[in-house]
Protein backbone atom coordinates (compact mmCIF):
# COMPACT_ATOMS: atom_id res chain seq x y z
CA MET A 1 -52.13 -63.29 60.36
CA ASN A 2 -49.72 -65.93 59.13
CA PHE A 3 -50.72 -65.26 55.60
CA PHE A 4 -49.81 -61.61 55.70
CA ASN A 5 -46.50 -62.19 57.53
CA GLU A 6 -45.43 -64.94 55.26
CA LYS A 7 -46.42 -62.86 52.24
CA ILE A 8 -44.06 -60.08 53.29
CA LYS A 9 -41.06 -62.41 54.25
CA ASN A 10 -41.51 -64.05 50.79
CA ILE A 11 -41.38 -60.79 48.94
CA ARG A 12 -38.36 -59.62 50.98
CA SER A 13 -36.63 -62.82 50.24
CA GLN A 14 -37.16 -62.49 46.48
CA ILE A 15 -35.76 -59.05 46.44
CA SER A 16 -32.18 -59.36 45.36
CA ALA A 17 -31.16 -56.82 48.14
CA SER A 18 -27.47 -56.59 49.19
CA HIS A 19 -26.73 -55.31 52.60
CA TYR A 20 -27.79 -51.62 52.85
CA LYS A 21 -24.95 -49.34 52.64
CA PRO A 22 -25.70 -45.79 53.73
CA ASN A 23 -22.77 -44.18 52.00
CA THR A 24 -23.65 -45.74 48.66
CA SER A 25 -24.68 -43.02 46.19
CA LEU A 26 -27.25 -45.26 44.49
CA ALA A 27 -28.87 -46.28 47.69
CA ASP A 28 -29.19 -42.75 48.89
CA PRO A 29 -28.54 -40.07 46.18
CA VAL A 30 -29.97 -37.07 48.11
CA LEU A 31 -27.98 -34.40 50.04
CA HIS A 32 -27.54 -34.87 53.61
CA CYS A 33 -29.75 -32.57 55.64
CA THR A 34 -28.02 -29.88 57.87
CA GLN A 35 -31.17 -28.61 59.58
CA HIS A 36 -31.69 -30.57 62.65
CA PHE A 37 -34.85 -31.39 64.62
CA SER A 38 -33.63 -32.70 67.96
CA ASN A 39 -36.61 -32.06 70.45
CA PHE A 40 -40.32 -31.89 70.32
CA ASN A 41 -42.18 -28.99 71.66
CA PRO A 42 -44.57 -29.80 74.55
CA VAL A 43 -48.15 -29.49 73.62
CA THR A 44 -50.80 -27.47 75.63
CA GLU A 45 -54.00 -28.75 76.79
CA GLN A 46 -55.88 -26.48 74.41
CA GLU A 47 -53.86 -27.86 71.41
CA VAL A 48 -54.82 -31.39 72.45
CA LEU A 49 -58.57 -30.48 72.90
CA SER A 50 -58.63 -28.79 69.44
CA LEU A 51 -57.00 -31.78 67.88
CA ILE A 52 -59.37 -34.38 69.51
CA SER A 53 -62.41 -32.26 68.49
CA LYS A 54 -61.53 -32.63 64.77
CA MET A 55 -61.00 -36.44 65.05
CA LYS A 56 -63.45 -38.91 64.03
CA PRO A 57 -65.05 -40.93 66.87
CA THR A 58 -63.94 -44.19 65.60
CA THR A 59 -63.32 -46.91 68.14
CA CYS A 60 -60.76 -49.64 68.06
CA SER A 61 -61.29 -52.95 69.99
CA LEU A 62 -58.04 -52.05 71.96
CA ASP A 63 -59.67 -48.90 73.41
CA PRO A 64 -60.95 -49.52 77.04
CA VAL A 65 -63.94 -47.25 76.36
CA PRO A 66 -65.83 -46.02 73.26
CA THR A 67 -64.14 -42.96 71.70
CA LYS A 68 -67.52 -41.04 71.83
CA LEU A 69 -67.40 -41.47 75.61
CA VAL A 70 -63.82 -40.23 75.69
CA LYS A 71 -64.67 -37.01 73.59
CA SER A 72 -67.53 -36.20 75.80
CA ALA A 73 -65.43 -36.48 78.97
CA MET A 74 -62.48 -34.38 77.87
CA ASP A 75 -62.99 -31.97 80.68
CA VAL A 76 -61.88 -34.86 82.98
CA LEU A 77 -59.62 -36.85 80.62
CA ALA A 78 -57.75 -33.82 79.04
CA ALA A 79 -55.06 -33.61 81.81
CA PRO A 80 -54.02 -37.24 81.96
CA ILE A 81 -53.90 -37.60 78.14
CA LEU A 82 -51.84 -34.40 77.84
CA ASN A 83 -49.36 -35.89 80.64
CA ILE A 84 -49.02 -39.11 78.48
CA ILE A 85 -48.42 -37.28 75.37
CA ASN A 86 -45.85 -34.89 76.71
CA SER A 87 -44.08 -37.57 78.68
CA SER A 88 -43.67 -39.51 75.45
CA LEU A 89 -42.40 -36.43 73.62
CA LEU A 90 -40.07 -35.48 76.44
CA HIS A 91 -38.39 -38.99 76.90
CA GLY A 92 -38.45 -40.01 73.21
CA THR A 93 -40.35 -43.34 73.90
CA VAL A 94 -43.74 -44.63 72.83
CA PRO A 95 -45.72 -46.76 75.31
CA ASP A 96 -45.88 -50.47 74.36
CA THR A 97 -49.75 -50.47 74.74
CA LEU A 98 -49.86 -47.78 72.01
CA LYS A 99 -47.70 -49.99 69.56
CA VAL A 100 -50.21 -52.71 69.06
CA SER A 101 -52.64 -52.71 66.19
CA VAL A 102 -55.61 -54.79 65.07
CA ILE A 103 -55.38 -55.71 61.41
CA LYS A 104 -58.65 -55.41 59.47
CA PRO A 105 -58.38 -57.21 56.21
CA LEU A 106 -59.81 -55.02 53.51
CA LEU A 107 -60.56 -56.23 50.04
CA LYS A 108 -58.55 -54.30 47.46
CA LYS A 109 -61.40 -54.02 44.98
CA SER A 110 -65.09 -54.70 45.45
CA ASP A 111 -65.27 -57.20 42.46
CA LEU A 112 -62.45 -59.39 43.71
CA ASP A 113 -63.12 -62.89 45.05
CA PRO A 114 -63.42 -62.54 48.86
CA HIS A 115 -62.27 -66.13 49.29
CA ILE A 116 -58.84 -65.46 48.11
CA LEU A 117 -56.54 -64.13 50.85
CA ASN A 118 -54.28 -62.45 48.34
CA ASN A 119 -57.08 -60.06 47.45
CA TYR A 120 -56.97 -58.36 50.83
CA ARG A 121 -55.02 -55.42 52.08
CA PRO A 122 -54.00 -55.29 55.88
CA ILE A 123 -55.26 -52.10 57.49
CA SER A 124 -54.11 -51.24 60.87
CA ASN A 125 -56.64 -50.15 63.52
CA LEU A 126 -54.94 -48.33 66.28
CA PRO A 127 -56.08 -47.16 69.73
CA PHE A 128 -57.46 -43.64 69.82
CA LEU A 129 -54.75 -42.37 72.12
CA SER A 130 -52.11 -43.70 69.77
CA LYS A 131 -53.72 -41.62 66.99
CA ILE A 132 -53.70 -38.39 69.17
CA LEU A 133 -50.03 -39.03 69.97
CA GLU A 134 -49.16 -39.60 66.17
CA LYS A 135 -51.16 -36.57 65.09
CA VAL A 136 -49.10 -34.33 67.52
CA VAL A 137 -45.86 -35.74 66.30
CA ALA A 138 -46.90 -35.69 62.51
CA SER A 139 -47.80 -31.88 63.00
CA GLN A 140 -44.45 -31.02 64.40
CA LEU A 141 -42.65 -33.24 61.71
CA GLN A 142 -44.53 -31.55 58.94
CA THR A 143 -43.68 -28.15 60.32
CA HIS A 144 -40.01 -29.06 60.16
CA LEU A 145 -40.34 -30.61 56.62
CA THR A 146 -42.04 -27.50 55.26
CA HIS A 147 -39.89 -24.93 56.96
CA TYR A 148 -36.72 -26.40 55.46
CA ASN A 149 -38.41 -27.40 52.14
CA LEU A 150 -37.53 -31.13 52.72
CA PHE A 151 -40.60 -32.65 50.98
CA GLU A 152 -40.21 -33.91 47.43
CA LYS A 153 -41.93 -31.39 45.23
CA PHE A 154 -43.55 -34.01 43.03
CA GLN A 155 -44.91 -36.12 45.87
CA SER A 156 -48.53 -35.28 46.39
CA GLY A 157 -49.53 -38.01 48.88
CA PHE A 158 -50.84 -36.84 52.30
CA ARG A 159 -49.74 -33.15 52.11
CA THR A 160 -51.74 -30.14 52.71
CA GLY A 161 -53.02 -28.47 49.51
CA HIS A 162 -51.90 -31.51 47.50
CA SER A 163 -54.32 -34.38 46.23
CA THR A 164 -54.69 -36.85 43.40
CA GLU A 165 -56.42 -34.02 41.52
CA THR A 166 -53.49 -31.55 41.80
CA ALA A 167 -51.09 -34.39 40.80
CA LEU A 168 -53.07 -35.36 37.75
CA THR A 169 -53.68 -31.68 36.76
CA ARG A 170 -50.09 -31.26 36.44
CA VAL A 171 -49.32 -34.44 34.66
CA VAL A 172 -52.17 -34.05 32.26
CA SER A 173 -51.05 -30.32 31.62
CA ASP A 174 -47.49 -31.53 30.77
CA ILE A 175 -48.71 -34.14 28.29
CA LEU A 176 -51.22 -31.84 26.67
CA ILE A 177 -48.61 -29.03 26.11
CA SER A 178 -46.05 -31.52 24.73
CA SER A 179 -48.89 -33.10 22.43
CA ASP A 180 -49.60 -29.44 21.22
CA GLU A 181 -46.01 -29.04 20.21
CA GLY A 182 -46.24 -32.27 18.02
CA ASN A 183 -44.52 -34.76 20.53
CA SER A 184 -45.78 -38.09 21.74
CA THR A 185 -45.45 -39.14 25.38
CA VAL A 186 -44.76 -42.42 27.01
CA ILE A 187 -46.18 -42.96 30.53
CA MET A 188 -45.11 -45.63 32.84
CA LEU A 189 -47.31 -46.44 35.84
CA LEU A 190 -45.15 -48.24 38.28
CA ASP A 191 -46.63 -50.86 40.58
CA LEU A 192 -44.88 -51.76 43.93
CA SER A 193 -45.87 -54.89 45.76
CA VAL A 194 -47.11 -54.22 49.25
CA ALA A 195 -44.68 -51.23 49.50
CA PHE A 196 -45.83 -50.04 52.85
CA ASP A 197 -45.10 -53.47 54.39
CA THR A 198 -41.53 -54.20 53.12
CA ILE A 199 -39.87 -50.97 54.41
CA ASP A 200 -36.74 -51.69 56.32
CA HIS A 201 -36.69 -49.99 59.64
CA SER A 202 -32.94 -49.47 59.77
CA VAL A 203 -33.04 -47.89 56.42
CA LEU A 204 -36.02 -45.61 57.33
CA LEU A 205 -34.17 -44.50 60.52
CA HIS A 206 -30.94 -43.80 58.43
CA ARG A 207 -33.05 -41.73 56.23
CA LEU A 208 -34.82 -39.83 58.88
CA GLU A 209 -31.44 -38.97 60.46
CA ASN A 210 -29.44 -38.13 57.44
CA ASP A 211 -31.92 -36.92 54.83
CA VAL A 212 -34.50 -35.25 57.18
CA GLY A 213 -32.27 -34.12 59.93
CA LEU A 214 -33.90 -35.99 62.92
CA THR A 215 -31.50 -36.37 65.92
CA GLY A 216 -31.67 -36.61 69.68
CA THR A 217 -34.88 -37.18 71.27
CA VAL A 218 -36.93 -36.95 68.08
CA LEU A 219 -35.01 -39.71 66.36
CA ALA A 220 -35.15 -41.71 69.57
CA TRP A 221 -38.86 -41.38 69.56
CA PHE A 222 -39.20 -42.78 65.92
CA SER A 223 -36.92 -45.62 66.77
CA SER A 224 -39.13 -46.45 69.78
CA TYR A 225 -42.15 -46.08 67.53
CA LEU A 226 -40.93 -48.61 64.89
CA SER A 227 -39.61 -51.28 67.58
CA ASN A 228 -41.54 -53.80 69.49
CA ARG A 229 -44.71 -53.29 67.50
CA PHE A 230 -47.26 -56.23 67.63
CA GLN A 231 -50.43 -56.93 65.60
CA TYR A 232 -53.17 -59.37 65.24
CA VAL A 233 -56.04 -60.03 62.87
CA GLN A 234 -59.66 -59.71 63.91
CA LYS A 235 -62.30 -59.61 60.97
CA CYS A 236 -65.00 -58.19 63.17
CA ALA A 237 -65.80 -57.41 66.88
CA ASP A 238 -67.32 -60.93 67.72
CA SER A 239 -64.77 -62.94 65.70
CA THR A 240 -61.84 -64.83 67.33
CA PRO A 241 -58.67 -62.85 67.20
CA SER A 242 -55.39 -64.35 65.91
CA LEU A 243 -52.26 -64.59 67.88
CA TYR A 244 -50.05 -61.51 68.44
CA THR A 245 -47.23 -61.37 66.07
CA GLU A 246 -44.26 -58.89 66.10
CA VAL A 247 -44.01 -56.44 63.24
CA GLN A 248 -40.50 -56.62 61.93
CA TYR A 249 -40.95 -54.57 58.68
CA GLY A 250 -43.06 -51.85 57.31
CA VAL A 251 -45.09 -48.94 58.57
CA PRO A 252 -48.74 -49.53 59.53
CA GLN A 253 -51.31 -48.89 56.96
CA GLY A 254 -54.11 -47.00 58.49
CA SER A 255 -51.80 -45.00 60.94
CA VAL A 256 -51.34 -41.37 60.98
CA LEU A 257 -47.61 -41.37 60.54
CA GLY A 258 -47.38 -44.48 58.20
CA PRO A 259 -47.95 -42.53 54.84
CA LEU A 260 -45.79 -39.68 55.94
CA LEU A 261 -42.83 -42.02 56.81
CA PHE A 262 -43.40 -43.85 53.49
CA SER A 263 -42.98 -40.67 51.68
CA LEU A 264 -39.83 -39.79 53.55
CA TYR A 265 -38.54 -43.36 52.74
CA MET A 266 -38.93 -42.62 49.10
CA LEU A 267 -37.18 -39.21 49.27
CA PRO A 268 -34.08 -40.33 47.15
CA LEU A 269 -36.31 -41.34 44.33
CA GLY A 270 -36.68 -37.83 42.92
CA SER A 271 -32.97 -37.24 42.65
CA LEU A 272 -32.41 -40.54 41.02
CA ILE A 273 -35.11 -39.89 38.35
CA ARG A 274 -34.16 -36.21 37.64
CA LYS A 275 -30.61 -37.07 36.72
CA HIS A 276 -32.05 -39.03 33.78
CA ASN A 277 -34.17 -36.01 32.58
CA VAL A 278 -37.49 -38.03 32.97
CA ASN A 279 -40.60 -36.44 34.35
CA PHE A 280 -42.39 -38.17 37.22
CA HIS A 281 -45.06 -37.69 39.84
CA SER A 282 -45.79 -39.62 43.01
CA TYR A 283 -48.84 -40.21 45.21
CA ALA A 284 -47.87 -42.22 48.26
CA ASP A 285 -46.76 -45.52 46.65
CA ASP A 286 -47.99 -44.76 43.17
CA THR A 287 -45.32 -43.41 40.95
CA GLN A 288 -45.54 -42.45 37.28
CA LEU A 289 -42.80 -41.81 34.82
CA TYR A 290 -43.59 -39.73 31.68
CA LEU A 291 -41.31 -38.59 28.85
CA SER A 292 -42.04 -36.80 25.57
CA PHE A 293 -40.33 -37.65 22.43
CA LYS A 294 -40.23 -37.02 18.67
CA SER A 295 -41.25 -39.96 16.51
CA ASN A 296 -38.12 -42.25 15.72
CA GLU A 297 -36.16 -40.31 18.28
CA VAL A 298 -33.83 -42.68 20.22
CA SER A 299 -32.10 -40.89 23.14
CA PRO A 300 -35.23 -40.17 25.20
CA MET A 301 -36.07 -43.87 25.30
CA LEU A 302 -32.48 -44.77 26.31
CA SER A 303 -32.90 -42.30 29.15
CA LEU A 304 -36.18 -43.98 30.23
CA ILE A 305 -34.66 -47.36 30.09
CA SER A 306 -31.63 -46.28 32.07
CA CYS A 307 -33.84 -44.67 34.49
CA VAL A 308 -36.06 -47.69 35.05
CA SER A 309 -33.07 -50.00 35.32
CA GLU A 310 -31.63 -47.88 37.96
CA LEU A 311 -34.87 -47.62 39.79
CA LYS A 312 -35.13 -51.37 40.09
CA GLU A 313 -31.59 -51.57 41.48
CA TRP A 314 -32.40 -48.72 43.95
CA MET A 315 -35.55 -50.55 44.97
CA ASN A 316 -33.82 -53.84 45.57
CA LYS A 317 -31.27 -52.04 47.69
CA ASN A 318 -34.19 -50.40 49.76
CA TYR A 319 -36.07 -53.67 50.24
CA LEU A 320 -38.95 -52.52 47.74
CA SER A 321 -40.25 -54.87 45.03
CA LEU A 322 -41.34 -53.34 41.54
CA ASN A 323 -44.11 -55.62 40.31
CA THR A 324 -43.33 -55.66 36.51
CA ASP A 325 -46.42 -57.80 35.77
CA LYS A 326 -48.67 -54.90 36.91
CA THR A 327 -46.49 -51.93 35.75
CA GLU A 328 -48.26 -50.50 32.67
CA MET A 329 -47.09 -48.42 29.74
CA LEU A 330 -49.16 -46.13 27.83
CA ILE A 331 -48.24 -44.01 24.72
CA VAL A 332 -50.09 -40.76 24.06
CA GLY A 333 -49.72 -40.11 20.36
CA GLY A 334 -47.12 -42.00 18.41
CA ASN A 335 -47.61 -44.77 15.88
CA ASP A 336 -47.15 -48.59 15.58
CA ALA A 337 -43.45 -48.16 14.77
CA ASP A 338 -42.92 -46.05 18.11
CA HIS A 339 -44.73 -48.73 20.03
CA ASN A 340 -42.63 -51.60 18.34
CA SER A 341 -39.35 -49.70 18.86
CA ILE A 342 -40.06 -49.04 22.55
CA LEU A 343 -41.15 -52.60 23.24
CA SER A 344 -37.91 -53.88 21.52
CA SER A 345 -35.73 -51.55 23.45
CA PHE A 346 -37.13 -52.56 26.94
CA ASN A 347 -37.12 -56.37 25.96
CA SER A 348 -33.50 -55.94 25.02
CA VAL A 349 -32.37 -55.00 28.48
CA GLY A 350 -34.68 -57.56 30.17
CA ILE A 351 -37.37 -55.22 31.35
CA PRO A 352 -40.96 -56.52 30.51
CA VAL A 353 -43.38 -54.04 29.35
CA ASN A 354 -47.27 -54.22 29.45
CA PHE A 355 -48.50 -51.97 26.68
CA THR A 356 -52.12 -50.81 27.08
CA GLU A 357 -54.49 -48.51 25.18
CA SER A 358 -55.92 -47.25 28.48
CA ALA A 359 -54.88 -47.40 32.14
CA ARG A 360 -56.25 -46.32 35.36
CA ASN A 361 -54.12 -43.59 36.94
CA LEU A 362 -54.95 -42.50 40.49
CA GLY A 363 -58.64 -43.25 39.78
CA VAL A 364 -58.83 -41.72 36.28
CA ILE A 365 -58.55 -43.78 33.11
CA PHE A 366 -55.91 -42.32 30.72
CA ASP A 367 -56.26 -43.29 27.19
CA SER A 368 -53.90 -42.89 24.20
CA SER A 369 -55.40 -39.68 22.90
CA MET A 370 -56.12 -38.09 26.28
CA SER A 371 -59.79 -37.71 25.52
CA PHE A 372 -60.93 -39.59 28.65
CA LYS A 373 -63.62 -41.11 26.79
CA ALA A 374 -63.05 -44.44 28.45
CA HIS A 375 -63.19 -42.92 31.86
CA ILE A 376 -66.36 -41.00 31.20
CA THR A 377 -68.07 -44.27 29.78
CA LYS A 378 -66.98 -46.32 32.81
CA LEU A 379 -68.14 -43.34 34.98
CA SER A 380 -71.50 -43.08 33.48
CA LYS A 381 -72.27 -46.71 33.66
CA THR A 382 -71.39 -46.65 37.47
CA CYS A 383 -73.45 -43.63 38.11
CA PHE A 384 -76.51 -44.86 36.22
CA PHE A 385 -76.35 -48.07 38.30
CA HIS A 386 -76.48 -46.07 41.54
CA LEU A 387 -79.09 -43.79 40.13
CA LYS A 388 -81.43 -46.79 39.64
CA ASN A 389 -80.95 -47.90 43.35
CA VAL A 390 -81.58 -44.32 44.62
CA ARG A 391 -84.68 -44.04 42.58
CA LYS A 392 -86.05 -47.16 44.35
CA LEU A 393 -85.28 -45.55 47.71
CA ARG A 394 -86.64 -42.10 46.85
CA ARG A 395 -90.20 -42.63 48.09
CA PHE A 396 -88.89 -43.51 51.60
CA LEU A 397 -86.73 -40.41 51.90
CA ASN A 398 -87.28 -36.66 52.21
CA LYS A 399 -85.64 -34.18 49.79
CA GLN A 400 -82.70 -33.40 52.07
CA ASP A 401 -81.75 -36.96 52.58
CA SER A 402 -82.12 -37.94 48.88
CA GLU A 403 -79.69 -34.98 47.97
CA LYS A 404 -77.19 -36.45 50.60
CA LEU A 405 -77.55 -39.90 48.98
CA ILE A 406 -77.14 -38.32 45.39
CA HIS A 407 -74.02 -36.59 46.53
CA ALA A 408 -72.52 -39.65 48.18
CA PHE A 409 -73.05 -42.00 45.23
CA ILE A 410 -73.30 -39.75 42.10
CA SER A 411 -71.97 -36.18 42.17
CA SER A 412 -68.96 -37.13 44.22
CA ARG A 413 -67.98 -39.46 41.55
CA PHE A 414 -68.28 -37.20 38.60
CA ASP A 415 -66.66 -34.32 40.57
CA TYR A 416 -63.60 -36.43 41.41
CA CYS A 417 -60.52 -35.00 39.64
CA ASN A 418 -62.93 -33.35 37.19
CA ALA A 419 -60.28 -30.47 36.78
CA VAL A 420 -58.59 -32.63 34.18
CA PHE A 421 -61.78 -32.63 32.04
CA THR A 422 -61.78 -28.90 31.55
CA GLY A 423 -61.86 -27.84 28.04
CA CYS A 424 -63.07 -31.22 26.81
CA SER A 425 -65.77 -31.15 24.01
CA ASN A 426 -69.39 -30.80 24.70
CA CYS A 427 -69.79 -34.40 23.59
CA SER A 428 -67.53 -35.54 26.22
CA PHE A 429 -69.59 -33.87 28.92
CA TYR A 430 -72.93 -34.95 27.49
CA SER A 431 -73.36 -38.32 29.32
CA LEU A 432 -72.34 -36.72 32.40
CA GLN A 433 -74.85 -33.95 32.11
CA LEU A 434 -77.51 -36.57 31.49
CA ILE A 435 -76.55 -38.18 34.87
CA GLN A 436 -76.90 -34.93 36.62
CA ASN A 437 -80.26 -34.23 34.96
CA VAL A 438 -81.57 -37.63 36.07
CA ALA A 439 -80.26 -37.04 39.71
CA ALA A 440 -81.96 -33.81 39.69
CA ARG A 441 -85.40 -35.11 38.56
CA ILE A 442 -85.10 -37.89 41.24
CA ILE A 443 -84.63 -35.41 44.02
CA THR A 444 -87.24 -32.97 42.98
CA ARG A 445 -89.74 -35.75 41.70
CA THR A 446 -89.73 -33.98 38.25
CA ARG A 447 -91.42 -35.84 35.37
CA LYS A 448 -89.27 -37.20 32.66
CA TYR A 449 -90.22 -34.73 29.88
CA GLU A 450 -90.12 -31.59 31.98
CA HIS A 451 -87.27 -29.24 31.23
CA THR A 452 -84.33 -29.72 33.69
CA THR A 453 -82.83 -26.30 33.68
CA PRO A 454 -85.28 -24.82 36.05
CA VAL A 455 -84.84 -27.94 38.20
CA LEU A 456 -80.88 -27.66 38.41
CA LYS A 457 -81.33 -23.96 38.99
CA SER A 458 -83.65 -24.55 41.93
CA LEU A 459 -80.92 -27.00 43.46
CA HIS A 460 -78.22 -24.46 42.98
CA TRP A 461 -76.34 -26.99 40.98
CA LEU A 462 -73.69 -25.90 38.46
CA PRO A 463 -73.72 -27.82 35.19
CA VAL A 464 -71.15 -30.49 34.78
CA LYS A 465 -69.00 -28.40 32.49
CA PHE A 466 -69.12 -25.39 34.84
CA ARG A 467 -68.20 -27.64 37.72
CA ALA A 468 -64.94 -28.63 35.89
CA ASP A 469 -64.07 -24.94 35.24
CA PHE A 470 -64.91 -24.09 38.88
CA LYS A 471 -62.34 -26.57 40.12
CA ILE A 472 -59.64 -25.26 37.73
CA LEU A 473 -60.27 -21.70 39.02
CA LEU A 474 -60.25 -22.86 42.64
CA LEU A 475 -56.82 -24.53 42.07
CA THR A 476 -55.65 -21.29 40.46
CA TYR A 477 -56.82 -19.13 43.34
CA LYS A 478 -54.99 -21.50 45.79
CA ALA A 479 -51.90 -21.52 43.65
CA LEU A 480 -51.80 -17.78 43.48
CA ASN A 481 -52.20 -17.46 47.19
CA GLY A 482 -49.63 -19.88 48.41
CA ARG A 483 -52.15 -22.62 49.37
CA GLY A 484 -51.53 -24.96 46.42
CA PRO A 485 -48.60 -27.09 45.19
CA ALA A 486 -45.57 -25.38 43.97
CA TYR A 487 -45.73 -27.57 40.83
CA LEU A 488 -49.01 -25.80 39.94
CA SER A 489 -47.95 -22.35 41.02
CA GLU A 490 -44.98 -22.50 38.55
CA LEU A 491 -47.34 -23.03 35.62
CA ILE A 492 -49.00 -19.59 35.86
CA MET A 493 -47.31 -16.24 35.80
CA THR A 494 -48.66 -12.69 36.64
CA TYR A 495 -49.11 -10.44 33.61
CA LYS A 496 -46.80 -7.47 33.89
CA PRO A 497 -47.65 -4.81 31.29
CA GLU A 498 -45.24 -2.11 30.26
CA ARG A 499 -47.73 0.62 31.37
CA THR A 500 -50.12 0.79 34.43
CA LEU A 501 -53.35 -0.90 33.97
CA ARG A 502 -56.78 0.12 35.30
CA SER A 503 -57.56 -1.27 38.70
CA GLN A 504 -59.99 -3.82 37.31
CA ASP A 505 -57.30 -5.21 35.11
CA ALA A 506 -54.75 -5.85 37.84
CA GLY A 507 -54.06 -9.40 38.86
CA LEU A 508 -54.26 -10.85 35.23
CA LEU A 509 -52.27 -13.87 34.33
CA MET A 510 -50.19 -14.41 31.18
CA ILE A 511 -51.66 -16.69 28.67
CA PRO A 512 -49.27 -18.66 26.78
CA ARG A 513 -49.42 -19.39 23.11
CA ILE A 514 -50.67 -22.79 21.80
CA ASN A 515 -51.25 -24.40 18.50
CA LYS A 516 -54.52 -26.25 19.11
CA ILE A 517 -57.22 -25.12 21.37
CA THR A 518 -58.40 -28.74 21.61
CA VAL A 519 -55.02 -29.91 22.89
CA GLY A 520 -52.92 -27.16 24.35
CA GLY A 521 -55.97 -25.22 25.08
CA ARG A 522 -57.09 -27.99 27.62
CA ALA A 523 -53.72 -27.71 29.62
CA PHE A 524 -53.84 -26.09 33.03
CA SER A 525 -51.05 -23.77 32.01
CA TYR A 526 -53.34 -22.19 29.35
CA ARG A 527 -56.81 -23.00 30.68
CA ALA A 528 -56.19 -21.48 34.16
CA PRO A 529 -55.14 -18.02 33.05
CA LYS A 530 -57.73 -18.05 30.32
CA LEU A 531 -60.52 -18.56 32.86
CA TRP A 532 -58.94 -16.43 35.50
CA ASN A 533 -58.70 -13.31 33.20
CA GLY A 534 -62.39 -13.65 32.32
CA LEU A 535 -63.42 -13.28 35.94
CA PRO A 536 -64.69 -9.91 37.43
CA ALA A 537 -61.98 -8.28 39.65
CA THR A 538 -64.33 -8.62 42.77
CA ILE A 539 -63.85 -12.49 42.46
CA ARG A 540 -60.20 -12.57 41.62
CA ASP A 541 -59.63 -10.28 44.79
CA ALA A 542 -61.55 -12.32 47.18
CA PRO A 543 -59.99 -12.29 50.59
CA SER A 544 -60.35 -16.10 51.37
CA ALA A 545 -60.88 -19.41 49.56
CA SER A 546 -64.47 -19.61 51.05
CA ALA A 547 -65.20 -16.08 49.80
CA PHE A 548 -63.79 -16.86 46.32
CA LYS A 549 -65.92 -20.22 46.06
CA SER A 550 -69.09 -18.29 47.03
CA ARG A 551 -68.52 -15.42 44.64
CA LEU A 552 -67.55 -17.71 41.82
CA LYS A 553 -70.50 -19.93 42.29
CA THR A 554 -72.85 -16.96 42.26
CA HIS A 555 -71.20 -15.72 39.08
CA TYR A 556 -71.30 -19.03 37.38
CA LEU A 557 -74.99 -19.64 38.36
CA SER A 558 -75.70 -16.26 36.57
CA LEU A 559 -73.89 -17.54 33.47
CA ALA A 560 -75.38 -21.06 33.45
CA TYR A 561 -78.86 -19.92 34.19
CA PRO A 562 -79.39 -16.32 32.88
CA ASP A 563 -82.79 -14.74 33.66
């Protein structure tokens, strides 16, 4: 525990932070919120029961009884749990027993040395009752944020309908369209040192009050939630726990409210970046800046440098540490002269730059040509490693369990953010299709030289290329029906002809003009309407997302495996 505490103290001491001044425009550049949230609504027993039924039965060592037992005895425990929650909401206080967390050190990456403490991330394990209370509060807070449109549009972390995939789909679409117009794009992947843990509580409360509109009992509740928190480290159930220490900074990772509070802490970032005309996207504490430019064009780089300089100053004022050693820069397109010019410009103002030919961005490897070849190569290697292990276990498993194992270790990997691969060449999909073919053979015990198409069809698996297009169309359906991010919805427009169309032609989308099908043709803004307009009206008009997925899969199966 001492290691984690000292690490946070050292980072905060290294931040050249002046005293936080709420009225300083640089420290807080967003407009004050005039829509207030003063009192929580009491919850009903039915709401609590519904919430608990959806929660995973994970048990914390602080829980007096196993969570499974609590869930099975809700007919008896519902009333006292409801009383505790509503009492907390009414009085604006959080019981001290619910403000203690067990820290479970989690290795940041599986290939890191487990003997080095710096390779671990402190994850908070909280009592089950604490999670219930936080979920109730988070639900009401999100309702307030959504109703008054207080979320940052380009923050995709922990928001309904938003994901790493929607974030990357927007970023990739912007870059491809810019490349199609003959521009290069510089991408900066900012890295913050233990961002969740250095948050200043007084700054956070000021932001909740002035930028989010929390007042009265609600603000008092969050003040209580952040104060007098304690934690201790315990590696496993039978290990000796460390001494309790008070949590002076940060929001607990692993909690329900932690990620949401962090997003609100970072609210001013969007306004700060926009005034420099730099594009950005955030997912929790991962923020990327990207800016397109013509070769030998100076002004965009000056804007980016000014933006990064002001970002560093803002972070210092808000007790956040930008780790320049791990901040990476990637240029899509461009030439050696552009690289040297950008490097020289950043060095001249004392901002070190780590140029790279490829970089991991929210789990997907970006490269300078946006071909995703490096990502697919790495993905193929990982999947084949797991396939070998599954093959060894296959004789001990039935078909159903084998399929679950394949999904957990294989298909979930090549389905991750596969929307960004739509429109890539057949060559790019070839190695991934080989993986799917081998996986199908293992499940069905099909011999090596037998044709795989009938096997894939029997499993009702769409080929890899169809899976990417399927994802694009699902994102399109959600965007058109108000269930997706606004930043994707604004990329597609309904086609409005001068004369009335036939009923089967209604609901079509405008297809923008592009220069190269291999570049602009892969962008969501082009690919989505192109695929959408090719669907039968019965699929486009599906009444729900589940109906849309069912109809679309049936349609794509008929295209992939025609009789």
